[in-house]
Amino acid sequence: LGRSDDMLIVKGVNVFPSQIETVLLNQGYPANYQILVGRKNNSDTIE
């Protein structure tokens, strides 16, 4: 259901790639995606 070490913590929230994939596939998109995490002005960003 995720990993205790590779789990993303973005803006203090636990984020698993599988959650994002579920949303995309439920919306009819293919499983071709990338998650870009960065930091701007001392704040996490996720695209």
ModelCIF file with pLDDT and N, C-alpha, C, O atoms, coordinates in Angstrom:
data_MODEL
#
_entry.id   MODEL 
#
_entity.id                         1 
_entity.type                       polymer 
_entity.pdbx_number_of_molecules   1 
#
_entity_poly.entity_id                      1 
_entity_poly.type                           'polypeptide(L)' 
_entity_poly.nstd_linkage                   no 
_entity_poly.nstd_monomer                   no 
_entity_poly.pdbx_seq_one_letter_code       LGRSDDMLIVKGVNVFPSQIETVLLNQGYPANYQILVGRKNNSDTIE 
_entity_poly.pdbx_seq_one_letter_code_can   LGRSDDMLIVKGVNVFPSQIETVLLNQGYPANYQILVGRKNNSDTIE 
_entity_poly.pdbx_strand_id                 A 
#
loop_
_entity_poly_seq.entity_id 
_entity_poly_seq.num 
_entity_poly_seq.mon_id 
_entity_poly_seq.hetero 
1 1  LEU n 
1 2  GLY n 
1 3  ARG n 
1 4  SER n 
1 5  ASP n 
1 6  ASP n 
1 7  MET n 
1 8  LEU n 
1 9  ILE n 
1 10 VAL n 
1 11 LYS n 
1 12 GLY n 
1 13 VAL n 
1 14 ASN n 
1 15 VAL n 
1 16 PHE n 
1 17 PRO n 
1 18 SER n 
1 19 GLN n 
1 20 ILE n 
1 21 GLU n 
1 22 THR n 
1 23 VAL n 
1 24 LEU n 
1 25 LEU n 
1 26 ASN n 
1 27 GLN n 
1 28 GLY n 
1 29 TYR n 
1 30 PRO n 
1 31 ALA n 
1 32 ASN n 
1 33 TYR n 
1 34 GLN n 
1 35 ILE n 
1 36 LEU n 
1 37 VAL n 
1 38 GLY n 
1 39 ARG n 
1 40 LYS n 
1 41 ASN n 
1 42 ASN n 
1 43 SER n 
1 44 ASP n 
1 45 THR n 
1 46 ILE n 
1 47 GLU n 
#
_struct_asym.id          A 
_struct_asym.entity_id   1 
#
loop_
_ma_qa_metric.id 
_ma_qa_metric.mode 
_ma_qa_metric.name 
_ma_qa_metric.software_group_id 
_ma_qa_metric.type 
1 global pLDDT . pLDDT 
2 local  pLDDT . pLDDT 
#
_ma_qa_metric_global.metric_id      1 
_ma_qa_metric_global.metric_value   83.51 
_ma_qa_metric_global.model_id       1 
_ma_qa_metric_global.ordinal_id     1 
#
loop_
_ma_qa_metric_local.label_asym_id 
_ma_qa_metric_local.label_comp_id 
_ma_qa_metric_local.label_seq_id 
_ma_qa_metric_local.metric_id 
_ma_qa_metric_local.metric_value 
_ma_qa_metric_local.model_id 
_ma_qa_metric_local.ordinal_id 
A LEU 1  2 85.00 1 1  
A GLY 2  2 77.00 1 2  
A ARG 3  2 78.00 1 3  
A SER 4  2 75.00 1 4  
A ASP 5  2 70.00 1 5  
A ASP 6  2 65.00 1 6  
A MET 7  2 69.00 1 7  
A LEU 8  2 80.00 1 8  
A ILE 9  2 76.00 1 9  
A VAL 10 2 84.00 1 10 
A LYS 11 2 78.00 1 11 
A GLY 12 2 68.00 1 12 
A VAL 13 2 73.00 1 13 
A ASN 14 2 71.00 1 14 
A VAL 15 2 82.00 1 15 
A PHE 16 2 77.00 1 16 
A PRO 17 2 84.00 1 17 
A SER 18 2 81.00 1 18 
A GLN 19 2 85.00 1 19 
A ILE 20 2 92.00 1 20 
A GLU 21 2 88.00 1 21 
A THR 22 2 88.00 1 22 
A VAL 23 2 92.00 1 23 
A LEU 24 2 94.00 1 24 
A LEU 25 2 91.00 1 25 
A ASN 26 2 91.00 1 26 
A GLN 27 2 93.00 1 27 
A GLY 28 2 91.00 1 28 
A TYR 29 2 92.00 1 29 
A PRO 30 2 87.00 1 30 
A ALA 31 2 84.00 1 31 
A ASN 32 2 89.00 1 32 
A TYR 33 2 93.00 1 33 
A GLN 34 2 94.00 1 34 
A ILE 35 2 95.00 1 35 
A LEU 36 2 94.00 1 36 
A VAL 37 2 92.00 1 37 
A GLY 38 2 89.00 1 38 
A ARG 39 2 80.00 1 39 
A LYS 40 2 83.00 1 40 
A ASN 41 2 71.00 1 41 
A ASN 42 2 67.00 1 42 
A SER 43 2 72.00 1 43 
A ASP 44 2 83.00 1 44 
A THR 45 2 91.00 1 45 
A ILE 46 2 95.00 1 46 
A GLU 47 2 96.00 1 47 
#
loop_
_atom_site.group_PDB 
_atom_site.id 
_atom_site.type_symbol 
_atom_site.label_atom_id 
_atom_site.label_alt_id 
_atom_site.label_comp_id 
_atom_site.label_asym_id 
_atom_site.label_entity_id 
_atom_site.label_seq_id 
_atom_site.pdbx_PDB_ins_code 
_atom_site.Cartn_x 
_atom_site.Cartn_y 
_atom_site.Cartn_z 
_atom_site.occupancy 
_atom_site.B_iso_or_equiv 
_atom_site.pdbx_formal_charge 
_atom_site.auth_seq_id 
_atom_site.auth_comp_id 
_atom_site.auth_asym_id 
_atom_site.auth_atom_id 
_atom_site.pdbx_PDB_model_num 
ATOM 1   N N  . LEU A 1 1  ? 0.819   -1.211 0.000   1.00 85.00 ? 1  LEU A N  1 
ATOM 2   C CA . LEU A 1 1  ? 0.000   0.000  0.000   1.00 85.00 ? 1  LEU A CA 1 
ATOM 3   C C  . LEU A 1 1  ? 0.851   1.258  0.000   1.00 85.00 ? 1  LEU A C  1 
ATOM 4   O O  . LEU A 1 1  ? 0.325   2.362  0.138   1.00 85.00 ? 1  LEU A O  1 
ATOM 5   N N  . GLY A 1 2  ? 2.141   1.104  -0.151  1.00 77.00 ? 2  GLY A N  1 
ATOM 6   C CA . GLY A 1 2  ? 3.100   2.195  -0.101  1.00 77.00 ? 2  GLY A CA 1 
ATOM 7   C C  . GLY A 1 2  ? 4.353   1.699  0.586   1.00 77.00 ? 2  GLY A C  1 
ATOM 8   O O  . GLY A 1 2  ? 4.494   0.508  0.861   1.00 77.00 ? 2  GLY A O  1 
ATOM 9   N N  . ARG A 1 3  ? 5.260   2.616  0.862   1.00 78.00 ? 3  ARG A N  1 
ATOM 10  C CA . ARG A 1 3  ? 6.498   2.248  1.539   1.00 78.00 ? 3  ARG A CA 1 
ATOM 11  C C  . ARG A 1 3  ? 6.749   3.196  2.693   1.00 78.00 ? 3  ARG A C  1 
ATOM 12  O O  . ARG A 1 3  ? 6.475   4.393  2.611   1.00 78.00 ? 3  ARG A O  1 
ATOM 13  N N  . SER A 1 4  ? 7.275   2.638  3.769   1.00 75.00 ? 4  SER A N  1 
ATOM 14  C CA . SER A 1 4  ? 7.537   3.466  4.938   1.00 75.00 ? 4  SER A CA 1 
ATOM 15  C C  . SER A 1 4  ? 8.747   4.359  4.736   1.00 75.00 ? 4  SER A C  1 
ATOM 16  O O  . SER A 1 4  ? 8.931   5.324  5.478   1.00 75.00 ? 4  SER A O  1 
ATOM 17  N N  . ASP A 1 5  ? 9.585   4.049  3.732   1.00 70.00 ? 5  ASP A N  1 
ATOM 18  C CA . ASP A 1 5  ? 10.742  4.910  3.491   1.00 70.00 ? 5  ASP A CA 1 
ATOM 19  C C  . ASP A 1 5  ? 10.555  5.795  2.262   1.00 70.00 ? 5  ASP A C  1 
ATOM 20  O O  . ASP A 1 5  ? 10.985  6.948  2.274   1.00 70.00 ? 5  ASP A O  1 
ATOM 21  N N  . ASP A 1 6  ? 9.916   5.280  1.187   1.00 65.00 ? 6  ASP A N  1 
ATOM 22  C CA . ASP A 1 6  ? 9.799   6.039  -0.050  1.00 65.00 ? 6  ASP A CA 1 
ATOM 23  C C  . ASP A 1 6  ? 8.533   6.886  -0.115  1.00 65.00 ? 6  ASP A C  1 
ATOM 24  O O  . ASP A 1 6  ? 8.334   7.626  -1.079  1.00 65.00 ? 6  ASP A O  1 
ATOM 25  N N  . MET A 1 7  ? 7.690   6.788  0.883   1.00 69.00 ? 7  MET A N  1 
ATOM 26  C CA . MET A 1 7  ? 6.497   7.610  0.930   1.00 69.00 ? 7  MET A CA 1 
ATOM 27  C C  . MET A 1 7  ? 6.885   9.086  0.824   1.00 69.00 ? 7  MET A C  1 
ATOM 28  O O  . MET A 1 7  ? 7.811   9.536  1.499   1.00 69.00 ? 7  MET A O  1 
ATOM 29  N N  . LEU A 1 8  ? 6.191   9.821  -0.004  1.00 80.00 ? 8  LEU A N  1 
ATOM 30  C CA . LEU A 1 8  ? 6.451   11.247 -0.146  1.00 80.00 ? 8  LEU A CA 1 
ATOM 31  C C  . LEU A 1 8  ? 5.735   12.012 0.960   1.00 80.00 ? 8  LEU A C  1 
ATOM 32  O O  . LEU A 1 8  ? 4.565   11.757 1.245   1.00 80.00 ? 8  LEU A O  1 
ATOM 33  N N  . ILE A 1 9  ? 6.435   12.937 1.571   1.00 76.00 ? 9  ILE A N  1 
ATOM 34  C CA . ILE A 1 9  ? 5.797   13.864 2.498   1.00 76.00 ? 9  ILE A CA 1 
ATOM 35  C C  . ILE A 1 9  ? 5.856   15.231 1.851   1.00 76.00 ? 9  ILE A C  1 
ATOM 36  O O  . ILE A 1 9  ? 6.924   15.835 1.751   1.00 76.00 ? 9  ILE A O  1 
ATOM 37  N N  . VAL A 1 10 ? 4.710   15.718 1.412   1.00 84.00 ? 10 VAL A N  1 
ATOM 38  C CA . VAL A 1 10 ? 4.617   16.987 0.701   1.00 84.00 ? 10 VAL A CA 1 
ATOM 39  C C  . VAL A 1 10 ? 3.718   17.918 1.498   1.00 84.00 ? 10 VAL A C  1 
ATOM 40  O O  . VAL A 1 10 ? 2.546   17.620 1.730   1.00 84.00 ? 10 VAL A O  1 
ATOM 41  N N  . LYS A 1 11 ? 4.278   19.047 1.914   1.00 78.00 ? 11 LYS A N  1 
ATOM 42  C CA . LYS A 1 11 ? 3.528   20.022 2.719   1.00 78.00 ? 11 LYS A CA 1 
ATOM 43  C C  . LYS A 1 11 ? 2.963   19.365 3.969   1.00 78.00 ? 11 LYS A C  1 
ATOM 44  O O  . LYS A 1 11 ? 1.869   19.701 4.423   1.00 78.00 ? 11 LYS A O  1 
ATOM 45  N N  . GLY A 1 12 ? 3.723   18.426 4.517   1.00 68.00 ? 12 GLY A N  1 
ATOM 46  C CA . GLY A 1 12 ? 3.322   17.749 5.742   1.00 68.00 ? 12 GLY A CA 1 
ATOM 47  C C  . GLY A 1 12 ? 2.310   16.641 5.556   1.00 68.00 ? 12 GLY A C  1 
ATOM 48  O O  . GLY A 1 12 ? 1.828   16.073 6.536   1.00 68.00 ? 12 GLY A O  1 
ATOM 49  N N  . VAL A 1 13 ? 1.978   16.320 4.308   1.00 73.00 ? 13 VAL A N  1 
ATOM 50  C CA . VAL A 1 13 ? 0.973   15.300 4.018   1.00 73.00 ? 13 VAL A CA 1 
ATOM 51  C C  . VAL A 1 13 ? 1.650   14.072 3.428   1.00 73.00 ? 13 VAL A C  1 
ATOM 52  O O  . VAL A 1 13 ? 2.521   14.197 2.568   1.00 73.00 ? 13 VAL A O  1 
ATOM 53  N N  . ASN A 1 14 ? 1.252   12.878 3.888   1.00 71.00 ? 14 ASN A N  1 
ATOM 54  C CA . ASN A 1 14 ? 1.774   11.630 3.328   1.00 71.00 ? 14 ASN A CA 1 
ATOM 55  C C  . ASN A 1 14 ? 1.127   11.373 1.974   1.00 71.00 ? 14 ASN A C  1 
ATOM 56  O O  . ASN A 1 14 ? -0.097  11.297 1.870   1.00 71.00 ? 14 ASN A O  1 
ATOM 57  N N  . VAL A 1 15 ? 1.949   11.241 0.940   1.00 82.00 ? 15 VAL A N  1 
ATOM 58  C CA . VAL A 1 15 ? 1.457   11.049 -0.421  1.00 82.00 ? 15 VAL A CA 1 
ATOM 59  C C  . VAL A 1 15 ? 2.084   9.787  -0.997  1.00 82.00 ? 15 VAL A C  1 
ATOM 60  O O  . VAL A 1 15 ? 3.307   9.649  -1.020  1.00 82.00 ? 15 VAL A O  1 
ATOM 61  N N  . PHE A 1 16 ? 1.238   8.861  -1.466  1.00 77.00 ? 16 PHE A N  1 
ATOM 62  C CA . PHE A 1 16 ? 1.723   7.671  -2.146  1.00 77.00 ? 16 PHE A CA 1 
ATOM 63  C C  . PHE A 1 16 ? 1.406   7.779  -3.636  1.00 77.00 ? 16 PHE A C  1 
ATOM 64  O O  . PHE A 1 16 ? 0.290   8.152  -3.998  1.00 77.00 ? 16 PHE A O  1 
ATOM 65  N N  . PRO A 1 17 ? 2.369   7.459  -4.508  1.00 84.00 ? 17 PRO A N  1 
ATOM 66  C CA . PRO A 1 17 ? 2.092   7.495  -5.948  1.00 84.00 ? 17 PRO A CA 1 
ATOM 67  C C  . PRO A 1 17 ? 0.860   6.694  -6.350  1.00 84.00 ? 17 PRO A C  1 
ATOM 68  O O  . PRO A 1 17 ? 0.172   7.056  -7.304  1.00 84.00 ? 17 PRO A O  1 
ATOM 69  N N  . SER A 1 18 ? 0.575   5.608  -5.631  1.00 81.00 ? 18 SER A N  1 
ATOM 70  C CA . SER A 1 18 ? -0.591  4.787  -5.980  1.00 81.00 ? 18 SER A CA 1 
ATOM 71  C C  . SER A 1 18 ? -1.892  5.573  -5.840  1.00 81.00 ? 18 SER A C  1 
ATOM 72  O O  . SER A 1 18 ? -2.843  5.326  -6.580  1.00 81.00 ? 18 SER A O  1 
ATOM 73  N N  . GLN A 1 19 ? -1.944  6.524  -4.893  1.00 85.00 ? 19 GLN A N  1 
ATOM 74  C CA . GLN A 1 19 ? -3.140  7.352  -4.750  1.00 85.00 ? 19 GLN A CA 1 
ATOM 75  C C  . GLN A 1 19 ? -3.350  8.212  -5.997  1.00 85.00 ? 19 GLN A C  1 
ATOM 76  O O  . GLN A 1 19 ? -4.470  8.360  -6.485  1.00 85.00 ? 19 GLN A O  1 
ATOM 77  N N  . ILE A 1 20 ? -2.256  8.771  -6.497  1.00 92.00 ? 20 ILE A N  1 
ATOM 78  C CA . ILE A 1 20 ? -2.332  9.622  -7.689  1.00 92.00 ? 20 ILE A CA 1 
ATOM 79  C C  . ILE A 1 20 ? -2.725  8.782  -8.901  1.00 92.00 ? 20 ILE A C  1 
ATOM 80  O O  . ILE A 1 20 ? -3.535  9.209  -9.724  1.00 92.00 ? 20 ILE A O  1 
ATOM 81  N N  . GLU A 1 21 ? -2.146  7.585  -9.004  1.00 88.00 ? 21 GLU A N  1 
ATOM 82  C CA . GLU A 1 21 ? -2.470  6.718  -10.132 1.00 88.00 ? 21 GLU A CA 1 
ATOM 83  C C  . GLU A 1 21 ? -3.947  6.332  -10.129 1.00 88.00 ? 21 GLU A C  1 
ATOM 84  O O  . GLU A 1 21 ? -4.573  6.269  -11.186 1.00 88.00 ? 21 GLU A O  1 
ATOM 85  N N  . THR A 1 22 ? -4.496  6.078  -8.967  1.00 88.00 ? 22 THR A N  1 
ATOM 86  C CA . THR A 1 22 ? -5.911  5.729  -8.861  1.00 88.00 ? 22 THR A CA 1 
ATOM 87  C C  . THR A 1 22 ? -6.789  6.837  -9.426  1.00 88.00 ? 22 THR A C  1 
ATOM 88  O O  . THR A 1 22 ? -7.730  6.572  -10.176 1.00 88.00 ? 22 THR A O  1 
ATOM 89  N N  . VAL A 1 23 ? -6.480  8.075  -9.065  1.00 92.00 ? 23 VAL A N  1 
ATOM 90  C CA . VAL A 1 23 ? -7.253  9.214  -9.571  1.00 92.00 ? 23 VAL A CA 1 
ATOM 91  C C  . VAL A 1 23 ? -7.155  9.304  -11.088 1.00 92.00 ? 23 VAL A C  1 
ATOM 92  O O  . VAL A 1 23 ? -8.167  9.479  -11.766 1.00 92.00 ? 23 VAL A O  1 
ATOM 93  N N  . LEU A 1 24 ? -5.947  9.187  -11.622 1.00 94.00 ? 24 LEU A N  1 
ATOM 94  C CA . LEU A 1 24 ? -5.745  9.335  -13.063 1.00 94.00 ? 24 LEU A CA 1 
ATOM 95  C C  . LEU A 1 24 ? -6.504  8.268  -13.840 1.00 94.00 ? 24 LEU A C  1 
ATOM 96  O O  . LEU A 1 24 ? -7.183  8.579  -14.819 1.00 94.00 ? 24 LEU A O  1 
ATOM 97  N N  . LEU A 1 25 ? -6.396  7.017  -13.414 1.00 91.00 ? 25 LEU A N  1 
ATOM 98  C CA . LEU A 1 25 ? -7.056  5.933  -14.143 1.00 91.00 ? 25 LEU A CA 1 
ATOM 99  C C  . LEU A 1 25 ? -8.571  6.011  -14.005 1.00 91.00 ? 25 LEU A C  1 
ATOM 100 O O  . LEU A 1 25 ? -9.301  5.682  -14.940 1.00 91.00 ? 25 LEU A O  1 
ATOM 101 N N  . ASN A 1 26 ? -9.042  6.445  -12.845 1.00 91.00 ? 26 ASN A N  1 
ATOM 102 C CA . ASN A 1 26 ? -10.491 6.611  -12.675 1.00 91.00 ? 26 ASN A CA 1 
ATOM 103 C C  . ASN A 1 26 ? -11.045 7.714  -13.559 1.00 91.00 ? 26 ASN A C  1 
ATOM 104 O O  . ASN A 1 26 ? -12.228 7.714  -13.900 1.00 91.00 ? 26 ASN A O  1 
ATOM 105 N N  . GLN A 1 27 ? -10.184 8.657  -13.930 1.00 93.00 ? 27 GLN A N  1 
ATOM 106 C CA . GLN A 1 27 ? -10.593 9.752  -14.814 1.00 93.00 ? 27 GLN A CA 1 
ATOM 107 C C  . GLN A 1 27 ? -10.375 9.415  -16.279 1.00 93.00 ? 27 GLN A C  1 
ATOM 108 O O  . GLN A 1 27 ? -10.607 10.256 -17.147 1.00 93.00 ? 27 GLN A O  1 
ATOM 109 N N  . GLY A 1 28 ? -9.930  8.185  -16.567 1.00 91.00 ? 28 GLY A N  1 
ATOM 110 C CA . GLY A 1 28 ? -9.794  7.758  -17.948 1.00 91.00 ? 28 GLY A CA 1 
ATOM 111 C C  . GLY A 1 28 ? -8.453  8.015  -18.589 1.00 91.00 ? 28 GLY A C  1 
ATOM 112 O O  . GLY A 1 28 ? -8.307  7.866  -19.802 1.00 91.00 ? 28 GLY A O  1 
ATOM 113 N N  . TYR A 1 29 ? -7.448  8.407  -17.779 1.00 92.00 ? 29 TYR A N  1 
ATOM 114 C CA . TYR A 1 29 ? -6.112  8.681  -18.326 1.00 92.00 ? 29 TYR A CA 1 
ATOM 115 C C  . TYR A 1 29 ? -5.265  7.416  -18.302 1.00 92.00 ? 29 TYR A C  1 
ATOM 116 O O  . TYR A 1 29 ? -5.493  6.543  -17.465 1.00 92.00 ? 29 TYR A O  1 
ATOM 117 N N  . PRO A 1 30 ? -4.291  7.301  -19.202 1.00 87.00 ? 30 PRO A N  1 
ATOM 118 C CA . PRO A 1 30 ? -3.427  6.116  -19.212 1.00 87.00 ? 30 PRO A CA 1 
ATOM 119 C C  . PRO A 1 30 ? -2.436  6.160  -18.058 1.00 87.00 ? 30 PRO A C  1 
ATOM 120 O O  . PRO A 1 30 ? -2.253  7.197  -17.420 1.00 87.00 ? 30 PRO A O  1 
ATOM 121 N N  . ALA A 1 31 ? -1.800  5.026  -17.798 1.00 84.00 ? 31 ALA A N  1 
ATOM 122 C CA . ALA A 1 31 ? -0.832  4.939  -16.695 1.00 84.00 ? 31 ALA A CA 1 
ATOM 123 C C  . ALA A 1 31 ? 0.543   5.429  -17.157 1.00 84.00 ? 31 ALA A C  1 
ATOM 124 O O  . ALA A 1 31 ? 1.562   4.787  -16.901 1.00 84.00 ? 31 ALA A O  1 
ATOM 125 N N  . ASN A 1 32 ? 0.554   6.552  -17.826 1.00 89.00 ? 32 ASN A N  1 
ATOM 126 C CA . ASN A 1 32 ? 1.798   7.187  -18.274 1.00 89.00 ? 32 ASN A CA 1 
ATOM 127 C C  . ASN A 1 32 ? 1.852   8.565  -17.640 1.00 89.00 ? 32 ASN A C  1 
ATOM 128 O O  . ASN A 1 32 ? 1.235   9.511  -18.132 1.00 89.00 ? 32 ASN A O  1 
ATOM 129 N N  . TYR A 1 33 ? 2.588   8.672  -16.553 1.00 93.00 ? 33 TYR A N  1 
ATOM 130 C CA . TYR A 1 33 ? 2.629   9.922  -15.803 1.00 93.00 ? 33 TYR A CA 1 
ATOM 131 C C  . TYR A 1 33 ? 3.940   10.009 -15.031 1.00 93.00 ? 33 TYR A C  1 
ATOM 132 O O  . TYR A 1 33 ? 4.627   9.007  -14.834 1.00 93.00 ? 33 TYR A O  1 
ATOM 133 N N  . GLN A 1 34 ? 4.275   11.217 -14.599 1.00 94.00 ? 34 GLN A N  1 
ATOM 134 C CA . GLN A 1 34 ? 5.407   11.437 -13.704 1.00 94.00 ? 34 GLN A CA 1 
ATOM 135 C C  . GLN A 1 34 ? 5.018   12.454 -12.652 1.00 94.00 ? 34 GLN A C  1 
ATOM 136 O O  . GLN A 1 34 ? 4.253   13.384 -12.903 1.00 94.00 ? 34 GLN A O  1 
ATOM 137 N N  . ILE A 1 35 ? 5.576   12.247 -11.450 1.00 95.00 ? 35 ILE A N  1 
ATOM 138 C CA . ILE A 1 35 ? 5.319   13.138 -10.324 1.00 95.00 ? 35 ILE A CA 1 
ATOM 139 C C  . ILE A 1 35 ? 6.604   13.912 -10.061 1.00 95.00 ? 35 ILE A C  1 
ATOM 140 O O  . ILE A 1 35 ? 7.645   13.319 -9.776  1.00 95.00 ? 35 ILE A O  1 
ATOM 141 N N  . LEU A 1 36 ? 6.531   15.223 -10.156 1.00 94.00 ? 36 LEU A N  1 
ATOM 142 C CA . LEU A 1 36 ? 7.695   16.084 -9.947  1.00 94.00 ? 36 LEU A CA 1 
ATOM 143 C C  . LEU A 1 36 ? 7.524   16.828 -8.631  1.00 94.00 ? 36 LEU A C  1 
ATOM 144 O O  . LEU A 1 36 ? 6.576   17.595 -8.464  1.00 94.00 ? 36 LEU A O  1 
ATOM 145 N N  . VAL A 1 37 ? 8.437   16.603 -7.704  1.00 92.00 ? 37 VAL A N  1 
ATOM 146 C CA . VAL A 1 37 ? 8.380   17.257 -6.399  1.00 92.00 ? 37 VAL A CA 1 
ATOM 147 C C  . VAL A 1 37 ? 9.565   18.208 -6.292  1.00 92.00 ? 37 VAL A C  1 
ATOM 148 O O  . VAL A 1 37 ? 10.696  17.843 -6.611  1.00 92.00 ? 37 VAL A O  1 
ATOM 149 N N  . GLY A 1 38 ? 9.298   19.419 -5.845  1.00 89.00 ? 38 GLY A N  1 
ATOM 150 C CA . GLY A 1 38 ? 10.370  20.407 -5.714  1.00 89.00 ? 38 GLY A CA 1 
ATOM 151 C C  . GLY A 1 38 ? 10.139  21.314 -4.524  1.00 89.00 ? 38 GLY A C  1 
ATOM 152 O O  . GLY A 1 38 ? 9.292   21.041 -3.674  1.00 89.00 ? 38 GLY A O  1 
ATOM 153 N N  . ARG A 1 39 ? 10.895  22.392 -4.470  1.00 80.00 ? 39 ARG A N  1 
ATOM 154 C CA . ARG A 1 39 ? 10.738  23.350 -3.375  1.00 80.00 ? 39 ARG A CA 1 
ATOM 155 C C  . ARG A 1 39 ? 10.946  24.754 -3.926  1.00 80.00 ? 39 ARG A C  1 
ATOM 156 O O  . ARG A 1 39 ? 11.922  25.018 -4.628  1.00 80.00 ? 39 ARG A O  1 
ATOM 157 N N  . LYS A 1 40 ? 10.026  25.648 -3.604  1.00 83.00 ? 40 LYS A N  1 
ATOM 158 C CA . LYS A 1 40 ? 10.090  27.034 -4.049  1.00 83.00 ? 40 LYS A CA 1 
ATOM 159 C C  . LYS A 1 40 ? 9.719   27.942 -2.892  1.00 83.00 ? 40 LYS A C  1 
ATOM 160 O O  . LYS A 1 40 ? 8.682   27.760 -2.255  1.00 83.00 ? 40 LYS A O  1 
ATOM 161 N N  . ASN A 1 41 ? 10.577  28.925 -2.622  1.00 71.00 ? 41 ASN A N  1 
ATOM 162 C CA . ASN A 1 41 ? 10.340  29.861 -1.514  1.00 71.00 ? 41 ASN A CA 1 
ATOM 163 C C  . ASN A 1 41 ? 10.065  29.120 -0.206  1.00 71.00 ? 41 ASN A C  1 
ATOM 164 O O  . ASN A 1 41 ? 9.125   29.437 0.524   1.00 71.00 ? 41 ASN A O  1 
ATOM 165 N N  . ASN A 1 42 ? 10.912  28.125 0.070   1.00 67.00 ? 42 ASN A N  1 
ATOM 166 C CA . ASN A 1 42 ? 10.832  27.343 1.302   1.00 67.00 ? 42 ASN A CA 1 
ATOM 167 C C  . ASN A 1 42 ? 9.544   26.533 1.434   1.00 67.00 ? 42 ASN A C  1 
ATOM 168 O O  . ASN A 1 42 ? 9.180   26.127 2.537   1.00 67.00 ? 42 ASN A O  1 
ATOM 169 N N  . SER A 1 43 ? 8.860   26.296 0.331   1.00 72.00 ? 43 SER A N  1 
ATOM 170 C CA . SER A 1 43 ? 7.620   25.531 0.371   1.00 72.00 ? 43 SER A CA 1 
ATOM 171 C C  . SER A 1 43 ? 7.676   24.408 -0.656  1.00 72.00 ? 43 SER A C  1 
ATOM 172 O O  . SER A 1 43 ? 8.191   24.588 -1.759  1.00 72.00 ? 43 SER A O  1 
ATOM 173 N N  . ASP A 1 44 ? 7.136   23.235 -0.277  1.00 83.00 ? 44 ASP A N  1 
ATOM 174 C CA . ASP A 1 44 ? 7.098   22.108 -1.209  1.00 83.00 ? 44 ASP A CA 1 
ATOM 175 C C  . ASP A 1 44 ? 6.165   22.390 -2.377  1.00 83.00 ? 44 ASP A C  1 
ATOM 176 O O  . ASP A 1 44 ? 5.131   23.041 -2.223  1.00 83.00 ? 44 ASP A O  1 
ATOM 177 N N  . THR A 1 45 ? 6.544   21.896 -3.530  1.00 91.00 ? 45 THR A N  1 
ATOM 178 C CA . THR A 1 45 ? 5.678   21.944 -4.708  1.00 91.00 ? 45 THR A CA 1 
ATOM 179 C C  . THR A 1 45 ? 5.538   20.535 -5.268  1.00 91.00 ? 45 THR A C  1 
ATOM 180 O O  . THR A 1 45 ? 6.457   19.726 -5.150  1.00 91.00 ? 45 THR A O  1 
ATOM 181 N N  . ILE A 1 46 ? 4.399   20.240 -5.872  1.00 95.00 ? 46 ILE A N  1 
ATOM 182 C CA . ILE A 1 46 ? 4.185   18.935 -6.498  1.00 95.00 ? 46 ILE A CA 1 
ATOM 183 C C  . ILE A 1 46 ? 3.403   19.129 -7.789  1.00 95.00 ? 46 ILE A C  1 
ATOM 184 O O  . ILE A 1 46 ? 2.375   19.805 -7.819  1.00 95.00 ? 46 ILE A O  1 
ATOM 185 N N  . GLU A 1 47 ? 3.907   18.530 -8.838  1.00 96.00 ? 47 GLU A N  1 
ATOM 186 C CA . GLU A 1 47 ? 3.272   18.604 -10.153 1.00 96.00 ? 47 GLU A CA 1 
ATOM 187 C C  . GLU A 1 47 ? 3.158   17.202 -10.724 1.00 96.00 ? 47 GLU A C  1 
ATOM 188 O O  . GLU A 1 47 ? 2.651   17.026 -11.831 1.00 96.00 ? 47 GLU A O  1 
#
